[in-house]
Structure formats: structure tokens, C-alpha cells
Amino acid sequence: MTVIGLLTFVGLWLLNVPLAAILAILAGLLTFIPNIGPVLSAIPALAMGLTVSPMTMLWVVVLYLAVQALESNLITPQIQEKAMSLPPALIIAFQLLMGSFFGLLGLALATPLLAVLMMMTRRHYLPLVRPETA
């Protein structure tokens, strides 16, 4: 979240977009919601870029796509691999399930809840099923 916020701030500041710090904080915070958060954070940034010029708005699109590509393909996989191995298909399926049952709050909490469930399963259930792994 911090890396996304910093990269977004530097990019928006270089593009002279008004309220760059606020938009960067929003981008960092909404990174908490996988897959949808970055899109939600880009909407106000695009609007602010449009207040400068249509070309600036296009550069804001490029900035957000580049930051999101960097985060999705480099930063997040390394963090998830070191912290906990969560299969991407399981994350997306759990997000869809939680989002359909509990709306936006369910979507926001799906990945952290899945991580907790996976950790509890590994620590408490698997040693009962396979005692040799304990």
C-alpha cells in the first residue's frame, strides 16, 4: 500500500495534478481491495487530471496502469509468496462469493479473511488429518 501511494504521488506530482497527495493516499488505501480498489482510486485522479487538460488525463491513465502493472506483477506476488501462498483462483472465487453475500464490505475483507482461514486450516486441521506433517 505504501509503495503504491508513493509511486502514485510521485507520478501525479510530476504531472502537476492538483491534490496529488490526497489522490495518492486514496490509491494506497484502496489497494486493500484487490482487483477493484485500483479502479475506484483512479476515477477521482482521472477527474483531477481532466481539470488540467485532456492530455494530462491520458497521462494519469498511463500512470495508474503502469503502477497497477508493477504492483500486480512484481510487488504483490513477491509479498504473497513470502507471507502466505494463496492461489490466485481461490482469491478471486472467494472475493466473488463474499462480494455476492456481503457486498462491498465482503469484497474488501475477502482476501484477509481467506488468509486467516488458510492459516487456521494449516495449523489446526491438517495436523489432525495428516499427523506425520505436525
N, C-alpha and C. Protein backbone atom coordinates (compact mmCIF):
# COMPACT_ATOMS: atom_id res chain seq x y z
N MET A 1 0.83 -1.19 0.00
CA MET A 1 0.00 0.00 0.00
C MET A 1 0.88 1.25 0.00
N THR A 2 1.94 1.20 0.76
CA THR A 2 2.85 2.34 0.83
C THR A 2 3.54 2.58 -0.50
N VAL A 3 3.99 1.51 -1.12
CA VAL A 3 4.68 1.65 -2.41
C VAL A 3 3.73 2.22 -3.46
N ILE A 4 2.50 1.75 -3.48
CA ILE A 4 1.51 2.26 -4.44
C ILE A 4 1.27 3.74 -4.19
N GLY A 5 1.10 4.10 -2.93
CA GLY A 5 0.88 5.51 -2.60
C GLY A 5 2.04 6.39 -3.01
N LEU A 6 3.26 5.94 -2.73
CA LEU A 6 4.44 6.74 -3.09
C LEU A 6 4.62 6.86 -4.60
N LEU A 7 4.48 5.74 -5.30
CA LEU A 7 4.63 5.79 -6.76
C LEU A 7 3.55 6.67 -7.40
N THR A 8 2.34 6.55 -6.89
CA THR A 8 1.24 7.37 -7.42
C THR A 8 1.48 8.85 -7.13
N PHE A 9 1.94 9.16 -5.92
CA PHE A 9 2.21 10.55 -5.57
C PHE A 9 3.27 11.15 -6.48
N VAL A 10 4.37 10.42 -6.65
CA VAL A 10 5.46 10.95 -7.50
C VAL A 10 4.96 11.18 -8.92
N GLY A 11 4.21 10.23 -9.46
CA GLY A 11 3.70 10.39 -10.81
C GLY A 11 2.73 11.54 -10.95
N LEU A 12 1.79 11.65 -10.02
CA LEU A 12 0.82 12.75 -10.09
C LEU A 12 1.49 14.10 -9.86
N TRP A 13 2.48 14.13 -8.99
CA TRP A 13 3.21 15.37 -8.72
C TRP A 13 3.98 15.81 -9.98
N LEU A 14 4.61 14.83 -10.66
CA LEU A 14 5.33 15.16 -11.89
C LEU A 14 4.39 15.63 -13.00
N LEU A 15 3.15 15.13 -12.97
CA LEU A 15 2.16 15.55 -13.97
C LEU A 15 1.43 16.84 -13.57
N ASN A 16 1.77 17.40 -12.41
CA ASN A 16 1.15 18.62 -11.89
C ASN A 16 -0.36 18.48 -11.71
N VAL A 17 -0.78 17.32 -11.23
CA VAL A 17 -2.19 17.09 -10.96
C VAL A 17 -2.51 17.67 -9.59
N PRO A 18 -3.57 18.48 -9.47
CA PRO A 18 -3.93 19.03 -8.17
C PRO A 18 -4.30 17.91 -7.18
N LEU A 19 -4.06 18.16 -5.92
CA LEU A 19 -4.37 17.23 -4.83
C LEU A 19 -3.66 15.89 -4.98
N ALA A 20 -2.42 15.92 -5.46
CA ALA A 20 -1.68 14.69 -5.72
C ALA A 20 -1.51 13.86 -4.45
N ALA A 21 -1.26 14.51 -3.32
CA ALA A 21 -1.05 13.76 -2.07
C ALA A 21 -2.33 13.05 -1.64
N ILE A 22 -3.46 13.73 -1.72
CA ILE A 22 -4.74 13.12 -1.33
C ILE A 22 -5.07 11.94 -2.25
N LEU A 23 -4.87 12.13 -3.54
CA LEU A 23 -5.15 11.07 -4.50
C LEU A 23 -4.22 9.88 -4.30
N ALA A 24 -2.97 10.14 -3.92
CA ALA A 24 -2.02 9.05 -3.67
C ALA A 24 -2.40 8.28 -2.41
N ILE A 25 -2.83 8.98 -1.38
CA ILE A 25 -3.28 8.31 -0.15
C ILE A 25 -4.49 7.44 -0.47
N LEU A 26 -5.40 7.97 -1.26
CA LEU A 26 -6.58 7.20 -1.66
C LEU A 26 -6.17 5.95 -2.45
N ALA A 27 -5.22 6.10 -3.35
CA ALA A 27 -4.75 4.95 -4.14
C ALA A 27 -4.12 3.90 -3.23
N GLY A 28 -3.33 4.34 -2.26
CA GLY A 28 -2.71 3.41 -1.34
C GLY A 28 -3.72 2.69 -0.48
N LEU A 29 -4.71 3.42 0.01
CA LEU A 29 -5.72 2.80 0.88
C LEU A 29 -6.62 1.84 0.11
N LEU A 30 -7.00 2.22 -1.09
CA LEU A 30 -7.90 1.36 -1.87
C LEU A 30 -7.19 0.15 -2.47
N THR A 31 -5.87 0.11 -2.37
CA THR A 31 -5.14 -1.08 -2.80
C THR A 31 -5.52 -2.26 -1.91
N PHE A 32 -6.05 -1.96 -0.73
CA PHE A 32 -6.51 -3.01 0.20
C PHE A 32 -7.59 -3.88 -0.44
N ILE A 33 -8.36 -3.30 -1.34
CA ILE A 33 -9.41 -4.06 -2.04
C ILE A 33 -8.81 -4.56 -3.35
N PRO A 34 -8.44 -5.84 -3.43
CA PRO A 34 -7.81 -6.33 -4.66
C PRO A 34 -8.75 -6.25 -5.86
N ASN A 35 -8.18 -6.03 -7.01
CA ASN A 35 -8.85 -6.03 -8.31
C ASN A 35 -9.77 -4.84 -8.54
N ILE A 36 -10.49 -4.38 -7.56
CA ILE A 36 -11.45 -3.29 -7.77
C ILE A 36 -10.93 -1.97 -7.18
N GLY A 37 -10.18 -2.04 -6.10
CA GLY A 37 -9.66 -0.85 -5.44
C GLY A 37 -8.89 0.09 -6.35
N PRO A 38 -7.96 -0.43 -7.16
CA PRO A 38 -7.23 0.47 -8.05
C PRO A 38 -8.12 1.19 -9.06
N VAL A 39 -9.16 0.53 -9.52
CA VAL A 39 -10.09 1.18 -10.46
C VAL A 39 -10.84 2.30 -9.74
N LEU A 40 -11.29 2.01 -8.52
CA LEU A 40 -12.01 3.04 -7.75
C LEU A 40 -11.12 4.24 -7.45
N SER A 41 -9.83 3.98 -7.18
CA SER A 41 -8.94 5.10 -6.86
C SER A 41 -8.57 5.91 -8.10
N ALA A 42 -8.66 5.30 -9.27
CA ALA A 42 -8.30 6.01 -10.50
C ALA A 42 -9.36 7.02 -10.92
N ILE A 43 -10.61 6.79 -10.56
CA ILE A 43 -11.70 7.66 -11.01
C ILE A 43 -11.50 9.11 -10.58
N PRO A 44 -11.27 9.40 -9.27
CA PRO A 44 -11.05 10.81 -8.91
C PRO A 44 -9.76 11.38 -9.50
N ALA A 45 -8.73 10.54 -9.65
CA ALA A 45 -7.48 11.03 -10.24
C ALA A 45 -7.68 11.43 -11.70
N LEU A 46 -8.49 10.64 -12.41
CA LEU A 46 -8.78 10.99 -13.80
C LEU A 46 -9.56 12.30 -13.88
N ALA A 47 -10.49 12.47 -12.96
CA ALA A 47 -11.26 13.72 -12.95
C ALA A 47 -10.35 14.92 -12.66
N MET A 48 -9.42 14.76 -11.73
CA MET A 48 -8.50 15.86 -11.43
C MET A 48 -7.55 16.10 -12.60
N GLY A 49 -7.13 15.04 -13.27
CA GLY A 49 -6.28 15.21 -14.45
C GLY A 49 -7.00 15.94 -15.56
N LEU A 50 -8.29 15.69 -15.68
CA LEU A 50 -9.09 16.35 -16.71
C LEU A 50 -9.23 17.85 -16.42
N THR A 51 -9.17 18.23 -15.14
CA THR A 51 -9.23 19.67 -14.83
C THR A 51 -8.01 20.41 -15.34
N VAL A 52 -6.90 19.68 -15.50
CA VAL A 52 -5.69 20.31 -16.04
C VAL A 52 -5.77 20.35 -17.56
N SER A 53 -5.94 19.17 -18.17
CA SER A 53 -6.11 19.07 -19.63
C SER A 53 -6.45 17.63 -19.98
N PRO A 54 -7.06 17.42 -21.15
CA PRO A 54 -7.34 16.05 -21.57
C PRO A 54 -6.07 15.21 -21.73
N MET A 55 -4.98 15.83 -22.14
CA MET A 55 -3.73 15.11 -22.28
C MET A 55 -3.20 14.66 -20.92
N THR A 56 -3.35 15.51 -19.93
CA THR A 56 -2.94 15.13 -18.58
C THR A 56 -3.76 13.94 -18.09
N MET A 57 -5.03 13.94 -18.41
CA MET A 57 -5.87 12.81 -18.01
C MET A 57 -5.37 11.51 -18.65
N LEU A 58 -4.96 11.58 -19.91
CA LEU A 58 -4.42 10.39 -20.56
C LEU A 58 -3.13 9.93 -19.90
N TRP A 59 -2.29 10.89 -19.47
CA TRP A 59 -1.06 10.53 -18.77
C TRP A 59 -1.37 9.93 -17.40
N VAL A 60 -2.44 10.39 -16.77
CA VAL A 60 -2.86 9.79 -15.49
C VAL A 60 -3.30 8.35 -15.72
N VAL A 61 -3.99 8.08 -16.82
CA VAL A 61 -4.37 6.70 -17.16
C VAL A 61 -3.11 5.85 -17.30
N VAL A 62 -2.13 6.35 -18.03
CA VAL A 62 -0.88 5.61 -18.23
C VAL A 62 -0.18 5.37 -16.89
N LEU A 63 -0.16 6.40 -16.04
CA LEU A 63 0.46 6.28 -14.73
C LEU A 63 -0.21 5.19 -13.90
N TYR A 64 -1.53 5.23 -13.81
CA TYR A 64 -2.25 4.25 -13.00
C TYR A 64 -2.10 2.85 -13.57
N LEU A 65 -2.10 2.70 -14.89
CA LEU A 65 -1.89 1.38 -15.49
C LEU A 65 -0.48 0.86 -15.20
N ALA A 66 0.51 1.74 -15.27
CA ALA A 66 1.88 1.33 -15.00
C ALA A 66 2.07 0.94 -13.53
N VAL A 67 1.54 1.75 -12.63
CA VAL A 67 1.66 1.44 -11.20
C VAL A 67 0.93 0.15 -10.89
N GLN A 68 -0.25 -0.03 -11.46
CA GLN A 68 -1.02 -1.25 -11.22
C GLN A 68 -0.31 -2.47 -11.80
N ALA A 69 0.28 -2.34 -12.97
CA ALA A 69 1.02 -3.45 -13.57
C ALA A 69 2.22 -3.82 -12.71
N LEU A 70 2.93 -2.83 -12.22
CA LEU A 70 4.07 -3.07 -11.35
C LEU A 70 3.63 -3.76 -10.06
N GLU A 71 2.55 -3.28 -9.48
CA GLU A 71 2.05 -3.86 -8.23
C GLU A 71 1.54 -5.27 -8.45
N SER A 72 0.78 -5.49 -9.50
CA SER A 72 0.17 -6.80 -9.74
C SER A 72 1.18 -7.86 -10.16
N ASN A 73 2.19 -7.48 -10.92
CA ASN A 73 3.10 -8.45 -11.49
C ASN A 73 4.42 -8.59 -10.75
N LEU A 74 4.76 -7.64 -9.88
CA LEU A 74 6.05 -7.71 -9.22
C LEU A 74 5.92 -7.65 -7.70
N ILE A 75 5.26 -6.64 -7.19
CA ILE A 75 5.24 -6.42 -5.75
C ILE A 75 4.37 -7.43 -5.02
N THR A 76 3.10 -7.53 -5.39
CA THR A 76 2.17 -8.41 -4.69
C THR A 76 2.56 -9.88 -4.76
N PRO A 77 2.94 -10.42 -5.92
CA PRO A 77 3.33 -11.84 -5.92
C PRO A 77 4.51 -12.15 -4.99
N GLN A 78 5.47 -11.24 -4.90
CA GLN A 78 6.60 -11.48 -4.01
C GLN A 78 6.17 -11.45 -2.55
N ILE A 79 5.31 -10.52 -2.20
CA ILE A 79 4.84 -10.42 -0.82
C ILE A 79 3.99 -11.62 -0.47
N GLN A 80 3.06 -12.00 -1.34
CA GLN A 80 2.19 -13.14 -1.05
C GLN A 80 2.97 -14.44 -1.00
N GLU A 81 4.00 -14.57 -1.82
CA GLU A 81 4.80 -15.78 -1.81
C GLU A 81 5.55 -15.92 -0.49
N LYS A 82 6.08 -14.81 0.01
CA LYS A 82 6.84 -14.86 1.25
C LYS A 82 5.92 -14.94 2.47
N ALA A 83 4.84 -14.22 2.46
CA ALA A 83 3.95 -14.18 3.62
C ALA A 83 3.05 -15.41 3.69
N MET A 84 2.40 -15.74 2.60
CA MET A 84 1.47 -16.87 2.59
C MET A 84 1.13 -17.20 1.15
N SER A 85 1.13 -18.47 0.84
CA SER A 85 0.80 -18.85 -0.53
C SER A 85 -0.71 -18.98 -0.68
N LEU A 86 -1.29 -18.02 -1.37
CA LEU A 86 -2.72 -18.04 -1.67
C LEU A 86 -2.88 -18.16 -3.18
N PRO A 87 -3.50 -19.22 -3.65
CA PRO A 87 -3.71 -19.36 -5.09
C PRO A 87 -4.61 -18.25 -5.64
N PRO A 88 -4.20 -17.61 -6.73
CA PRO A 88 -4.99 -16.51 -7.28
C PRO A 88 -6.43 -16.89 -7.62
N ALA A 89 -6.66 -18.09 -8.14
CA ALA A 89 -8.02 -18.51 -8.47
C ALA A 89 -8.88 -18.61 -7.21
N LEU A 90 -8.29 -19.07 -6.12
CA LEU A 90 -9.02 -19.16 -4.85
C LEU A 90 -9.36 -17.76 -4.33
N ILE A 91 -8.44 -16.83 -4.47
CA ILE A 91 -8.68 -15.45 -4.03
C ILE A 91 -9.85 -14.85 -4.81
N ILE A 92 -9.84 -14.99 -6.13
CA ILE A 92 -10.91 -14.41 -6.95
C ILE A 92 -12.25 -15.06 -6.65
N ALA A 93 -12.25 -16.40 -6.51
CA ALA A 93 -13.51 -17.10 -6.20
C ALA A 93 -14.05 -16.67 -4.84
N PHE A 94 -13.17 -16.52 -3.85
CA PHE A 94 -13.62 -16.11 -2.53
C PHE A 94 -14.10 -14.65 -2.53
N GLN A 95 -13.45 -13.81 -3.34
CA GLN A 95 -13.91 -12.42 -3.47
C GLN A 95 -15.31 -12.38 -4.09
N LEU A 96 -15.53 -13.17 -5.11
CA LEU A 96 -16.87 -13.21 -5.73
C LEU A 96 -17.92 -13.70 -4.74
N LEU A 97 -17.60 -14.73 -3.99
CA LEU A 97 -18.52 -15.28 -3.00
C LEU A 97 -18.84 -14.26 -1.92
N MET A 98 -17.81 -13.68 -1.32
CA MET A 98 -18.01 -12.70 -0.25
C MET A 98 -18.70 -11.44 -0.77
N GLY A 99 -18.32 -11.02 -1.99
CA GLY A 99 -18.95 -9.84 -2.57
C GLY A 99 -20.43 -10.05 -2.85
N SER A 100 -20.79 -11.25 -3.28
CA SER A 100 -22.20 -11.51 -3.58
C SER A 100 -23.03 -11.63 -2.30
N PHE A 101 -22.43 -12.14 -1.23
CA PHE A 101 -23.17 -12.28 0.02
C PHE A 101 -23.19 -11.01 0.85
N PHE A 102 -22.06 -10.29 0.91
CA PHE A 102 -21.94 -9.17 1.84
C PHE A 102 -21.64 -7.84 1.17
N GLY A 103 -21.66 -7.78 -0.15
CA GLY A 103 -21.48 -6.52 -0.86
C GLY A 103 -20.04 -6.03 -0.82
N LEU A 104 -19.88 -4.71 -0.80
CA LEU A 104 -18.56 -4.09 -0.86
C LEU A 104 -17.72 -4.43 0.35
N LEU A 105 -18.32 -4.50 1.53
CA LEU A 105 -17.58 -4.86 2.73
C LEU A 105 -17.05 -6.28 2.63
N GLY A 106 -17.86 -7.19 2.12
CA GLY A 106 -17.41 -8.56 1.92
C GLY A 106 -16.27 -8.65 0.94
N LEU A 107 -16.34 -7.86 -0.11
CA LEU A 107 -15.28 -7.83 -1.10
C LEU A 107 -13.98 -7.30 -0.49
N ALA A 108 -14.11 -6.27 0.32
CA ALA A 108 -12.93 -5.66 0.93
C ALA A 108 -12.26 -6.62 1.92
N LEU A 109 -13.05 -7.41 2.61
CA LEU A 109 -12.49 -8.29 3.64
C LEU A 109 -12.22 -9.71 3.16
N ALA A 110 -12.51 -10.00 1.92
CA ALA A 110 -12.39 -11.37 1.41
C ALA A 110 -10.95 -11.90 1.48
N THR A 111 -9.99 -11.18 0.98
CA THR A 111 -8.62 -11.68 0.95
C THR A 111 -8.02 -11.83 2.34
N PRO A 112 -8.15 -10.84 3.24
CA PRO A 112 -7.63 -11.06 4.59
C PRO A 112 -8.33 -12.22 5.31
N LEU A 113 -9.63 -12.35 5.12
CA LEU A 113 -10.36 -13.45 5.75
C LEU A 113 -9.90 -14.79 5.18
N LEU A 114 -9.66 -14.86 3.89
CA LEU A 114 -9.17 -16.08 3.27
C LEU A 114 -7.79 -16.45 3.82
N ALA A 115 -6.94 -15.45 4.02
CA ALA A 115 -5.61 -15.71 4.58
C ALA A 115 -5.72 -16.30 5.98
N VAL A 116 -6.62 -15.75 6.79
CA VAL A 116 -6.83 -16.28 8.15
C VAL A 116 -7.37 -17.70 8.09
N LEU A 117 -8.35 -17.95 7.22
CA LEU A 117 -8.91 -19.29 7.10
C LEU A 117 -7.86 -20.30 6.64
N MET A 118 -7.02 -19.91 5.70
CA MET A 118 -5.97 -20.82 5.23
C MET A 118 -4.96 -21.11 6.33
N MET A 119 -4.60 -20.11 7.11
CA MET A 119 -3.64 -20.30 8.20
C MET A 119 -4.24 -21.20 9.28
N MET A 120 -5.50 -20.97 9.62
CA MET A 120 -6.15 -21.81 10.62
C MET A 120 -6.25 -23.26 10.13
N THR A 121 -6.55 -23.45 8.87
CA THR A 121 -6.63 -24.79 8.30
C THR A 121 -5.28 -25.49 8.37
N ARG A 122 -4.23 -24.77 8.02
CA ARG A 122 -2.89 -25.36 8.03
C ARG A 122 -2.42 -25.69 9.45
N ARG A 123 -2.76 -24.87 10.40
CA ARG A 123 -2.27 -25.09 11.77
C ARG A 123 -3.12 -26.06 12.57
N HIS A 124 -4.44 -26.06 12.36
CA HIS A 124 -5.31 -26.84 13.23
C HIS A 124 -5.95 -28.06 12.57
N TYR A 125 -6.29 -27.98 11.30
CA TYR A 125 -6.98 -29.09 10.65
C TYR A 125 -6.01 -30.10 10.04
N LEU A 126 -5.03 -29.62 9.30
CA LEU A 126 -4.12 -30.52 8.62
C LEU A 126 -3.33 -31.43 9.57
N PRO A 127 -2.87 -30.97 10.73
CA PRO A 127 -2.21 -31.91 11.64
C PRO A 127 -3.13 -33.02 12.15
N LEU A 128 -4.43 -32.78 12.21
CA LEU A 128 -5.36 -33.83 12.61
C LEU A 128 -5.55 -34.86 11.51
N VAL A 129 -5.57 -34.38 10.27
CA VAL A 129 -5.80 -35.26 9.13
C VAL A 129 -4.52 -36.02 8.76
N ARG A 130 -3.41 -35.31 8.78
CA ARG A 130 -2.12 -35.91 8.45
C ARG A 130 -1.15 -35.70 9.61
N PRO A 131 -1.15 -36.58 10.62
CA PRO A 131 -0.31 -36.37 11.80
C PRO A 131 1.18 -36.35 11.48
N GLU A 132 1.61 -36.97 10.39
CA GLU A 132 3.05 -37.00 10.07
C GLU A 132 3.58 -35.63 9.69
N THR A 133 2.71 -34.67 9.31
CA THR A 133 3.16 -33.33 8.94
C THR A 133 3.34 -32.43 10.15
N ALA A 134 2.87 -32.83 11.31
CA ALA A 134 2.94 -32.00 12.51
C ALA A 134 4.32 -31.96 13.11
